[in-house]
Amino acid sequence: MPKGYWIARIDVADMDKYKLYVAANAKPFAEFGAKFLVRSGRYEAPEGTSRSRNVVIEFPSYQAALDCYRSPAYQQAIQLRLPVATGDLIIIEGYDGPQPS
């Protein structure tokens, strides 16, 4: 079964208040098996637009990724983020088919 991923790009206006969101999302992330693959860090944007923070979170399945987002605990955490950050988030199913050789 393919894994699920959150791909998020975020601009944070108030980092101190954003940290409250980060603390609040820890519980649902742990509950649904989230693993950070990318969490901010150095980047280049050779095409298109970018935001100041980029995050990729892996889940055991696409359904787990959806369930985490829809969970009451994560929906509460979002309320801490919305006033202090602007972002884009997609939830996407991973690919486990043939790869280039």
PDB file of N, CA and C in Angstrom:
ATOM      1  N   MET A   1       0.843  -1.174   0.000  1.00  0.00           N
ATOM      2  CA  MET A   1       0.000   0.000   0.000  1.00  0.00           C
ATOM      3  C   MET A   1       0.891   1.240   0.000  1.00  0.00           C
ATOM      4  N   PRO A   2       0.628   2.207  -0.897  1.00  0.00           N
ATOM      5  CA  PRO A   2       1.442   3.420  -0.932  1.00  0.00           C
ATOM      6  C   PRO A   2       1.263   4.265   0.333  1.00  0.00           C
ATOM      7  N   LYS A   3       2.307   4.944   0.684  1.00  0.00           N
ATOM      8  CA  LYS A   3       2.257   5.854   1.823  1.00  0.00           C
ATOM      9  C   LYS A   3       1.494   7.115   1.427  1.00  0.00           C
ATOM     10  N   GLY A   4       1.165   7.921   2.424  1.00  0.00           N
ATOM     11  CA  GLY A   4       0.534   9.213   2.183  1.00  0.00           C
ATOM     12  C   GLY A   4       1.469  10.316   2.627  1.00  0.00           C
ATOM     13  N   TYR A   5       1.311  11.472   2.023  1.00  0.00           N
ATOM     14  CA  TYR A   5       2.209  12.596   2.326  1.00  0.00           C
ATOM     15  C   TYR A   5       1.423  13.891   2.438  1.00  0.00           C
ATOM     16  N   TRP A   6       1.874  14.741   3.355  1.00  0.00           N
ATOM     17  CA  TRP A   6       1.451  16.135   3.368  1.00  0.00           C
ATOM     18  C   TRP A   6       2.620  16.918   2.795  1.00  0.00           C
ATOM     19  N   ILE A   7       2.328  17.806   1.867  1.00  0.00           N
ATOM     20  CA  ILE A   7       3.327  18.727   1.351  1.00  0.00           C
ATOM     21  C   ILE A   7       2.801  20.120   1.645  1.00  0.00           C
ATOM     22  N   ALA A   8       3.522  20.838   2.487  1.00  0.00           N
ATOM     23  CA  ALA A   8       3.064  22.156   2.936  1.00  0.00           C
ATOM     24  C   ALA A   8       4.130  23.215   2.664  1.00  0.00           C
ATOM     25  N   ARG A   9       3.655  24.382   2.289  1.00  0.00           N
ATOM     26  CA  ARG A   9       4.515  25.562   2.109  1.00  0.00           C
ATOM     27  C   ARG A   9       3.878  26.667   2.938  1.00  0.00           C
ATOM     28  N   ILE A  10       4.649  27.300   3.812  1.00  0.00           N
ATOM     29  CA  ILE A  10       4.076  28.194   4.807  1.00  0.00           C
ATOM     30  C   ILE A  10       4.921  29.451   4.954  1.00  0.00           C
ATOM     31  N   ASP A  11       4.236  30.584   5.110  1.00  0.00           N
ATOM     32  CA  ASP A  11       4.859  31.843   5.538  1.00  0.00           C
ATOM     33  C   ASP A  11       4.323  32.144   6.932  1.00  0.00           C
ATOM     34  N   VAL A  12       5.217  32.343   7.876  1.00  0.00           N
ATOM     35  CA  VAL A  12       4.840  32.571   9.271  1.00  0.00           C
ATOM     36  C   VAL A  12       5.031  34.042   9.610  1.00  0.00           C
ATOM     37  N   ALA A  13       3.974  34.672  10.125  1.00  0.00           N
ATOM     38  CA  ALA A  13       4.030  36.086  10.506  1.00  0.00           C
ATOM     39  C   ALA A  13       4.456  36.261  11.962  1.00  0.00           C
ATOM     40  N   ASP A  14       4.148  35.299  12.821  1.00  0.00           N
ATOM     41  CA  ASP A  14       4.479  35.400  14.250  1.00  0.00           C
ATOM     42  C   ASP A  14       4.994  34.037  14.718  1.00  0.00           C
ATOM     43  N   MET A  15       6.314  33.888  14.752  1.00  0.00           N
ATOM     44  CA  MET A  15       6.913  32.597  15.069  1.00  0.00           C
ATOM     45  C   MET A  15       6.601  32.148  16.485  1.00  0.00           C
ATOM     46  N   ASP A  16       6.526  33.065  17.441  1.00  0.00           N
ATOM     47  CA  ASP A  16       6.215  32.665  18.814  1.00  0.00           C
ATOM     48  C   ASP A  16       4.833  32.023  18.904  1.00  0.00           C
ATOM     49  N   LYS A  17       3.853  32.601  18.259  1.00  0.00           N
ATOM     50  CA  LYS A  17       2.510  32.029  18.270  1.00  0.00           C
ATOM     51  C   LYS A  17       2.430  30.776  17.400  1.00  0.00           C
ATOM     52  N   TYR A  18       3.213  30.722  16.337  1.00  0.00           N
ATOM     53  CA  TYR A  18       3.251  29.537  15.482  1.00  0.00           C
ATOM     54  C   TYR A  18       3.754  28.321  16.272  1.00  0.00           C
ATOM     55  N   LYS A  19       4.644  28.553  17.210  1.00  0.00           N
ATOM     56  CA  LYS A  19       5.163  27.457  18.031  1.00  0.00           C
ATOM     57  C   LYS A  19       4.052  26.787  18.840  1.00  0.00           C
ATOM     58  N   LEU A  20       2.988  27.511  19.162  1.00  0.00           N
ATOM     59  CA  LEU A  20       1.843  26.913  19.853  1.00  0.00           C
ATOM     60  C   LEU A  20       1.161  25.885  18.940  1.00  0.00           C
ATOM     61  N   TYR A  21       1.067  26.208  17.662  1.00  0.00           N
ATOM     62  CA  TYR A  21       0.525  25.263  16.671  1.00  0.00           C
ATOM     63  C   TYR A  21       1.410  24.026  16.577  1.00  0.00           C
ATOM     64  N   VAL A  22       2.714  24.225  16.522  1.00  0.00           N
ATOM     65  CA  VAL A  22       3.648  23.106  16.428  1.00  0.00           C
ATOM     66  C   VAL A  22       3.485  22.182  17.638  1.00  0.00           C
ATOM     67  N   ALA A  23       3.355  22.750  18.819  1.00  0.00           N
ATOM     68  CA  ALA A  23       3.159  21.936  20.022  1.00  0.00           C
ATOM     69  C   ALA A  23       1.828  21.183  19.955  1.00  0.00           C
ATOM     70  N   ALA A  24       0.789  21.827  19.460  1.00  0.00           N
ATOM     71  CA  ALA A  24      -0.543  21.214  19.402  1.00  0.00           C
ATOM     72  C   ALA A  24      -0.642  20.116  18.350  1.00  0.00           C
ATOM     73  N   ASN A  25       0.145  20.209  17.276  1.00  0.00           N
ATOM     74  CA  ASN A  25       0.017  19.180  16.237  1.00  0.00           C
ATOM     75  C   ASN A  25       0.819  17.918  16.556  1.00  0.00           C
ATOM     76  N   ALA A  26       1.653  17.963  17.571  1.00  0.00           N
ATOM     77  CA  ALA A  26       2.486  16.802  17.907  1.00  0.00           C
ATOM     78  C   ALA A  26       1.647  15.569  18.248  1.00  0.00           C
ATOM     79  N   LYS A  27       0.573  15.742  18.994  1.00  0.00           N
ATOM     80  CA  LYS A  27      -0.239  14.594  19.401  1.00  0.00           C
ATOM     81  C   LYS A  27      -0.929  13.914  18.213  1.00  0.00           C
ATOM     82  N   PRO A  28      -1.654  14.663  17.359  1.00  0.00           N
ATOM     83  CA  PRO A  28      -2.250  13.966  16.212  1.00  0.00           C
ATOM     84  C   PRO A  28      -1.205  13.389  15.260  1.00  0.00           C
ATOM     85  N   PHE A  29      -0.077  14.058  15.091  1.00  0.00           N
ATOM     86  CA  PHE A  29       0.960  13.502  14.224  1.00  0.00           C
ATOM     87  C   PHE A  29       1.445  12.158  14.768  1.00  0.00           C
ATOM     88  N   ALA A  30       1.678  12.078  16.062  1.00  0.00           N
ATOM     89  CA  ALA A  30       2.122  10.820  16.661  1.00  0.00           C
ATOM     90  C   ALA A  30       1.036   9.752  16.530  1.00  0.00           C
ATOM     91  N   GLU A  31      -0.209  10.138  16.769  1.00  0.00           N
ATOM     92  CA  GLU A  31      -1.323   9.189  16.706  1.00  0.00           C
ATOM     93  C   GLU A  31      -1.476   8.549  15.330  1.00  0.00           C
ATOM     94  N   PHE A  32      -1.200   9.330  14.265  1.00  0.00           N
ATOM     95  CA  PHE A  32      -1.404   8.825  12.906  1.00  0.00           C
ATOM     96  C   PHE A  32      -0.107   8.403  12.215  1.00  0.00           C
ATOM     97  N   GLY A  33       0.987   8.286  12.981  1.00  0.00           N
ATOM     98  CA  GLY A  33       2.233   7.742  12.445  1.00  0.00           C
ATOM     99  C   GLY A  33       3.009   8.677  11.540  1.00  0.00           C
ATOM    100  N   ALA A  34       2.893   9.987  11.756  1.00  0.00           N
ATOM    101  CA  ALA A  34       3.585  10.967  10.910  1.00  0.00           C
ATOM    102  C   ALA A  34       5.100  10.925  11.130  1.00  0.00           C
ATOM    103  N   LYS A  35       5.823  11.159  10.051  1.00  0.00           N
ATOM    104  CA  LYS A  35       7.285  11.242  10.098  1.00  0.00           C
ATOM    105  C   LYS A  35       7.711  12.416   9.219  1.00  0.00           C
ATOM    106  N   PHE A  36       8.427  13.367   9.813  1.00  0.00           N
ATOM    107  CA  PHE A  36       8.905  14.507   9.031  1.00  0.00           C
ATOM    108  C   PHE A  36      10.047  14.063   8.120  1.00  0.00           C
ATOM    109  N   LEU A  37       9.898  14.317   6.831  1.00  0.00           N
ATOM    110  CA  LEU A  37      10.977  14.072   5.870  1.00  0.00           C
ATOM    111  C   LEU A  37      11.689  15.375   5.544  1.00  0.00           C
ATOM    112  N   VAL A  38      10.934  16.455   5.518  1.00  0.00           N
ATOM    113  CA  VAL A  38      11.470  17.802   5.295  1.00  0.00           C
ATOM    114  C   VAL A  38      10.779  18.703   6.303  1.00  0.00           C
ATOM    115  N   ARG A  39      11.566  19.503   7.013  1.00  0.00           N
ATOM    116  CA  ARG A  39      10.987  20.426   7.989  1.00  0.00           C
ATOM    117  C   ARG A  39      11.799  21.708   7.944  1.00  0.00           C
ATOM    118  N   SER A  40      11.378  22.596   7.060  1.00  0.00           N
ATOM    119  CA  SER A  40      12.068  23.862   6.816  1.00  0.00           C
ATOM    120  C   SER A  40      13.413  23.557   6.173  1.00  0.00           C
ATOM    121  N   GLY A  41      14.472  24.176   6.602  1.00  0.00           N
ATOM    122  CA  GLY A  41      15.777  23.884   6.027  1.00  0.00           C
ATOM    123  C   GLY A  41      16.073  24.688   4.770  1.00  0.00           C
ATOM    124  N   ARG A  42      17.247  24.478   4.271  1.00  0.00           N
ATOM    125  CA  ARG A  42      17.750  25.188   3.099  1.00  0.00           C
ATOM    126  C   ARG A  42      17.017  24.738   1.852  1.00  0.00           C
ATOM    127  N   TYR A  43      16.740  25.673   0.945  1.00  0.00           N
ATOM    128  CA  TYR A  43      16.060  25.311  -0.300  1.00  0.00           C
ATOM    129  C   TYR A  43      16.358  26.342  -1.382  1.00  0.00           C
ATOM    130  N   GLU A  44      16.099  25.939  -2.610  1.00  0.00           N
ATOM    131  CA  GLU A  44      16.101  26.827  -3.767  1.00  0.00           C
ATOM    132  C   GLU A  44      14.769  26.650  -4.467  1.00  0.00           C
ATOM    133  N   ALA A  45      14.309  27.686  -5.127  1.00  0.00           N
ATOM    134  CA  ALA A  45      13.060  27.611  -5.892  1.00  0.00           C
ATOM    135  C   ALA A  45      13.367  28.011  -7.335  1.00  0.00           C
ATOM    136  N   PRO A  46      13.924  27.088  -8.131  1.00  0.00           N
ATOM    137  CA  PRO A  46      14.315  27.427  -9.487  1.00  0.00           C
ATOM    138  C   PRO A  46      13.139  27.696 -10.429  1.00  0.00           C
ATOM    139  N   GLU A  47      11.933  27.283 -10.041  1.00  0.00           N
ATOM    140  CA  GLU A  47      10.750  27.535 -10.871  1.00  0.00           C
ATOM    141  C   GLU A  47       9.570  27.841  -9.965  1.00  0.00           C
ATOM    142  N   GLY A  48       8.691  28.703 -10.418  1.00  0.00           N
ATOM    143  CA  GLY A  48       7.464  28.993  -9.684  1.00  0.00           C
ATOM    144  C   GLY A  48       7.689  29.855  -8.455  1.00  0.00           C
ATOM    145  N   THR A  49       6.711  29.800  -7.562  1.00  0.00           N
ATOM    146  CA  THR A  49       6.759  30.602  -6.345  1.00  0.00           C
ATOM    147  C   THR A  49       7.183  29.730  -5.164  1.00  0.00           C
ATOM    148  N   SER A  50       7.523  30.388  -4.074  1.00  0.00           N
ATOM    149  CA  SER A  50       7.903  29.644  -2.872  1.00  0.00           C
ATOM    150  C   SER A  50       7.383  30.379  -1.639  1.00  0.00           C
ATOM    151  N   ARG A  51       7.500  29.726  -0.518  1.00  0.00           N
ATOM    152  CA  ARG A  51       7.202  30.310   0.781  1.00  0.00           C
ATOM    153  C   ARG A  51       8.419  30.077   1.669  1.00  0.00           C
ATOM    154  N   SER A  52       8.425  30.687   2.836  1.00  0.00           N
ATOM    155  CA  SER A  52       9.619  30.649   3.680  1.00  0.00           C
ATOM    156  C   SER A  52       9.855  29.305   4.364  1.00  0.00           C
ATOM    157  N   ARG A  53       8.802  28.514   4.591  1.00  0.00           N
ATOM    158  CA  ARG A  53       8.946  27.201   5.223  1.00  0.00           C
ATOM    159  C   ARG A  53       8.338  26.137   4.312  1.00  0.00           C
ATOM    160  N   ASN A  54       9.028  25.028   4.171  1.00  0.00           N
ATOM    161  CA  ASN A  54       8.550  23.909   3.359  1.00  0.00           C
ATOM    162  C   ASN A  54       8.614  22.658   4.217  1.00  0.00           C
ATOM    163  N   VAL A  55       7.540  21.868   4.175  1.00  0.00           N
ATOM    164  CA  VAL A  55       7.446  20.690   5.032  1.00  0.00           C
ATOM    165  C   VAL A  55       6.899  19.524   4.210  1.00  0.00           C
ATOM    166  N   VAL A  56       7.501  18.345   4.379  1.00  0.00           N
ATOM    167  CA  VAL A  56       6.964  17.109   3.807  1.00  0.00           C
ATOM    168  C   VAL A  56       6.852  16.127   4.967  1.00  0.00           C
ATOM    169  N   ILE A  57       5.640  15.619   5.171  1.00  0.00           N
ATOM    170  CA  ILE A  57       5.385  14.674   6.257  1.00  0.00           C
ATOM    171  C   ILE A  57       4.876  13.372   5.642  1.00  0.00           C
ATOM    172  N   GLU A  58       5.494  12.272   6.036  1.00  0.00           N
ATOM    173  CA  GLU A  58       5.111  10.951   5.540  1.00  0.00           C
ATOM    174  C   GLU A  58       4.189  10.270   6.552  1.00  0.00           C
ATOM    175  N   PHE A  59       3.157   9.609   6.039  1.00  0.00           N
ATOM    176  CA  PHE A  59       2.238   8.819   6.854  1.00  0.00           C
ATOM    177  C   PHE A  59       2.265   7.377   6.352  1.00  0.00           C
ATOM    178  N   PRO A  60       1.876   6.422   7.184  1.00  0.00           N
ATOM    179  CA  PRO A  60       1.910   5.018   6.757  1.00  0.00           C
ATOM    180  C   PRO A  60       1.027   4.726   5.553  1.00  0.00           C
ATOM    181  N   SER A  61      -0.013   5.548   5.335  1.00  0.00           N
ATOM    182  CA  SER A  61      -0.909   5.353   4.199  1.00  0.00           C
ATOM    183  C   SER A  61      -1.565   6.682   3.844  1.00  0.00           C
ATOM    184  N   TYR A  62      -2.127   6.730   2.660  1.00  0.00           N
ATOM    185  CA  TYR A  62      -2.885   7.909   2.232  1.00  0.00           C
ATOM    186  C   TYR A  62      -4.061   8.147   3.175  1.00  0.00           C
ATOM    187  N   GLN A  63      -4.731   7.060   3.573  1.00  0.00           N
ATOM    188  CA  GLN A  63      -5.875   7.197   4.474  1.00  0.00           C
ATOM    189  C   GLN A  63      -5.454   7.776   5.822  1.00  0.00           C
ATOM    190  N   ALA A  64      -4.306   7.357   6.352  1.00  0.00           N
ATOM    191  CA  ALA A  64      -3.810   7.905   7.617  1.00  0.00           C
ATOM    192  C   ALA A  64      -3.532   9.406   7.485  1.00  0.00           C
ATOM    193  N   ALA A  65      -3.004   9.814   6.332  1.00  0.00           N
ATOM    194  CA  ALA A  65      -2.743  11.238   6.093  1.00  0.00           C
ATOM    195  C   ALA A  65      -4.041  12.036   6.100  1.00  0.00           C
ATOM    196  N   LEU A  66      -5.066  11.500   5.432  1.00  0.00           N
ATOM    197  CA  LEU A  66      -6.377  12.164   5.429  1.00  0.00           C
ATOM    198  C   LEU A  66      -6.994  12.175   6.821  1.00  0.00           C
ATOM    199  N   ASP A  67      -6.940  11.035   7.505  1.00  0.00           N
ATOM    200  CA  ASP A  67      -7.546  10.933   8.832  1.00  0.00           C
ATOM    201  C   ASP A  67      -6.888  11.883   9.823  1.00  0.00           C
ATOM    202  N   CYS A  68      -5.574  12.041   9.738  1.00  0.00           N
ATOM    203  CA  CYS A  68      -4.881  12.971  10.625  1.00  0.00           C
ATOM    204  C   CYS A  68      -5.394  14.388  10.403  1.00  0.00           C
ATOM    205  N   TYR A  69      -5.463  14.791   9.148  1.00  0.00           N
ATOM    206  CA  TYR A  69      -5.925  16.154   8.848  1.00  0.00           C
ATOM    207  C   TYR A  69      -7.349  16.374   9.366  1.00  0.00           C
ATOM    208  N   ARG A  70      -8.192  15.390   9.201  1.00  0.00           N
ATOM    209  CA  ARG A  70      -9.607  15.515   9.574  1.00  0.00           C
ATOM    210  C   ARG A  70      -9.868  15.275  11.060  1.00  0.00           C
ATOM    211  N   SER A  71      -8.866  14.844  11.806  1.00  0.00           N
ATOM    212  CA  SER A  71      -9.059  14.514  13.219  1.00  0.00           C
ATOM    213  C   SER A  71      -9.398  15.769  14.023  1.00  0.00           C
ATOM    214  N   PRO A  72     -10.215  15.608  15.068  1.00  0.00           N
ATOM    215  CA  PRO A  72     -10.548  16.755  15.925  1.00  0.00           C
ATOM    216  C   PRO A  72      -9.310  17.429  16.522  1.00  0.00           C
ATOM    217  N   ALA A  73      -8.311  16.628  16.910  1.00  0.00           N
ATOM    218  CA  ALA A  73      -7.103  17.214  17.508  1.00  0.00           C
ATOM    219  C   ALA A  73      -6.360  18.090  16.515  1.00  0.00           C
ATOM    220  N   TYR A  74      -6.253  17.648  15.256  1.00  0.00           N
ATOM    221  CA  TYR A  74      -5.554  18.488  14.271  1.00  0.00           C
ATOM    222  C   TYR A  74      -6.394  19.701  13.892  1.00  0.00           C
ATOM    223  N   GLN A  75      -7.686  19.538  13.807  1.00  0.00           N
ATOM    224  CA  GLN A  75      -8.552  20.677  13.497  1.00  0.00           C
ATOM    225  C   GLN A  75      -8.444  21.749  14.585  1.00  0.00           C
ATOM    226  N   GLN A  76      -8.242  21.342  15.829  1.00  0.00           N
ATOM    227  CA  GLN A  76      -8.001  22.312  16.905  1.00  0.00           C
ATOM    228  C   GLN A  76      -6.657  23.003  16.704  1.00  0.00           C
ATOM    229  N   ALA A  77      -5.638  22.241  16.338  1.00  0.00           N
ATOM    230  CA  ALA A  77      -4.306  22.811  16.116  1.00  0.00           C
ATOM    231  C   ALA A  77      -4.335  23.854  15.006  1.00  0.00           C
ATOM    232  N   ILE A  78      -5.105  23.593  13.954  1.00  0.00           N
ATOM    233  CA  ILE A  78      -5.186  24.539  12.842  1.00  0.00           C
ATOM    234  C   ILE A  78      -5.646  25.914  13.313  1.00  0.00           C
ATOM    235  N   GLN A  79      -6.527  25.935  14.279  1.00  0.00           N
ATOM    236  CA  GLN A  79      -7.042  27.215  14.767  1.00  0.00           C
ATOM    237  C   GLN A  79      -5.943  28.082  15.372  1.00  0.00           C
ATOM    238  N   LEU A  80      -4.865  27.469  15.831  1.00  0.00           N
ATOM    239  CA  LEU A  80      -3.715  28.215  16.350  1.00  0.00           C
ATOM    240  C   LEU A  80      -2.843  28.753  15.214  1.00  0.00           C
ATOM    241  N   ARG A  81      -2.843  28.058  14.092  1.00  0.00           N
ATOM    242  CA  ARG A  81      -2.006  28.453  12.944  1.00  0.00           C
ATOM    243  C   ARG A  81      -2.634  29.547  12.098  1.00  0.00           C
ATOM    244  N   LEU A  82      -3.925  29.457  11.862  1.00  0.00           N
ATOM    245  CA  LEU A  82      -4.582  30.344  10.906  1.00  0.00           C
ATOM    246  C   LEU A  82      -4.336  31.837  11.136  1.00  0.00           C
ATOM    247  N   PRO A  83      -4.358  32.335  12.373  1.00  0.00           N
ATOM    248  CA  PRO A  83      -4.139  33.776  12.545  1.00  0.00           C
ATOM    249  C   PRO A  83      -2.695  34.240  12.339  1.00  0.00           C
ATOM    250  N   VAL A  84      -1.742  33.300  12.338  1.00  0.00           N
ATOM    251  CA  VAL A  84      -0.335  33.710  12.332  1.00  0.00           C
ATOM    252  C   VAL A  84       0.475  33.193  11.147  1.00  0.00           C
ATOM    253  N   ALA A  85      -0.161  32.448  10.232  1.00  0.00           N
ATOM    254  CA  ALA A  85       0.578  31.886   9.097  1.00  0.00           C
ATOM    255  C   ALA A  85      -0.348  31.722   7.896  1.00  0.00           C
ATOM    256  N   THR A  86       0.257  31.830   6.721  1.00  0.00           N
ATOM    257  CA  THR A  86      -0.444  31.612   5.461  1.00  0.00           C
ATOM    258  C   THR A  86       0.255  30.454   4.773  1.00  0.00           C
ATOM    259  N   GLY A  87      -0.520  29.550   4.216  1.00  0.00           N
ATOM    260  CA  GLY A  87       0.147  28.414   3.604  1.00  0.00           C
ATOM    261  C   GLY A  87      -0.677  27.681   2.578  1.00  0.00           C
ATOM    262  N   ASP A  88      -0.032  26.704   1.980  1.00  0.00           N
ATOM    263  CA  ASP A  88      -0.635  25.792   1.015  1.00  0.00           C
ATOM    264  C   ASP A  88      -0.335  24.383   1.504  1.00  0.00           C
ATOM    265  N   LEU A  89      -1.333  23.511   1.431  1.00  0.00           N
ATOM    266  CA  LEU A  89      -1.150  22.130   1.853  1.00  0.00           C
ATOM    267  C   LEU A  89      -1.840  21.218   0.851  1.00  0.00           C
ATOM    268  N   ILE A  90      -1.122  20.187   0.432  1.00  0.00           N
ATOM    269  CA  ILE A  90      -1.766  19.118  -0.324  1.00  0.00           C
ATOM    270  C   ILE A  90      -1.515  17.810   0.419  1.00  0.00           C
ATOM    271  N   ILE A  91      -2.471  16.914   0.306  1.00  0.00           N
ATOM    272  CA  ILE A  91      -2.332  15.565   0.838  1.00  0.00           C
ATOM    273  C   ILE A  91      -2.347  14.656  -0.382  1.00  0.00           C
ATOM    274  N   ILE A  92      -1.302  13.861  -0.507  1.00  0.00           N
ATOM    275  CA  ILE A  92      -1.109  13.113  -1.747  1.00  0.00           C
ATOM    276  C   ILE A  92      -0.702  11.670  -1.460  1.00  0.00           C
ATOM    277  N   GLU A  93      -1.152  10.773  -2.310  1.00  0.00           N
ATOM    278  CA  GLU A  93      -0.773   9.365  -2.205  1.00  0.00           C
ATOM    279  C   GLU A  93       0.597   9.165  -2.823  1.00  0.00           C
ATOM    280  N   GLY A  94       1.426   8.405  -2.142  1.00  0.00           N
ATOM    281  CA  GLY A  94       2.762   8.095  -2.650  1.00  0.00           C
ATOM    282  C   GLY A  94       2.703   7.166  -3.856  1.00  0.00           C
ATOM    283  N   TYR A  95       3.834   7.000  -4.493  1.00  0.00           N
ATOM    284  CA  TYR A  95       3.957   6.160  -5.684  1.00  0.00           C
ATOM    285  C   TYR A  95       4.913   5.024  -5.359  1.00  0.00           C
ATOM    286  N   ASP A  96       4.493   3.801  -5.615  1.00  0.00           N
ATOM    287  CA  ASP A  96       5.401   2.685  -5.382  1.00  0.00           C
ATOM    288  C   ASP A  96       5.523   1.785  -6.618  1.00  0.00           C
ATOM    289  N   GLY A  97       5.368   2.396  -7.788  1.00  0.00           N
ATOM    290  CA  GLY A  97       5.500   1.666  -9.037  1.00  0.00           C
ATOM    291  C   GLY A  97       6.928   1.652  -9.566  1.00  0.00           C
ATOM    292  N   PRO A  98       7.082   1.302 -10.826  1.00  0.00           N
ATOM    293  CA  PRO A  98       8.423   1.219 -11.432  1.00  0.00           C
ATOM    294  C   PRO A  98       9.160   2.557 -11.380  1.00  0.00           C
ATOM    295  N   GLN A  99      10.460   2.469 -11.258  1.00  0.00           N
ATOM    296  CA  GLN A  99      11.327   3.640 -11.199  1.00  0.00           C
ATOM    297  C   GLN A  99      12.280   3.632 -12.394  1.00  0.00           C
ATOM    298  N   PRO A 100      12.790   4.799 -12.766  1.00  0.00           N
ATOM    299  CA  PRO A 100      13.778   4.834 -13.859  1.00  0.00           C
ATOM    300  C   PRO A 100      15.015   4.010 -13.478  1.00  0.00           C
ATOM    301  N   SER A 101      15.596   3.352 -14.481  1.00  0.00           N
ATOM    302  CA  SER A 101      16.793   2.561 -14.181  1.00  0.00           C
ATOM    303  C   SER A 101      18.045   3.301 -14.541  1.00  0.00           C
TER     304      SER A 101
END
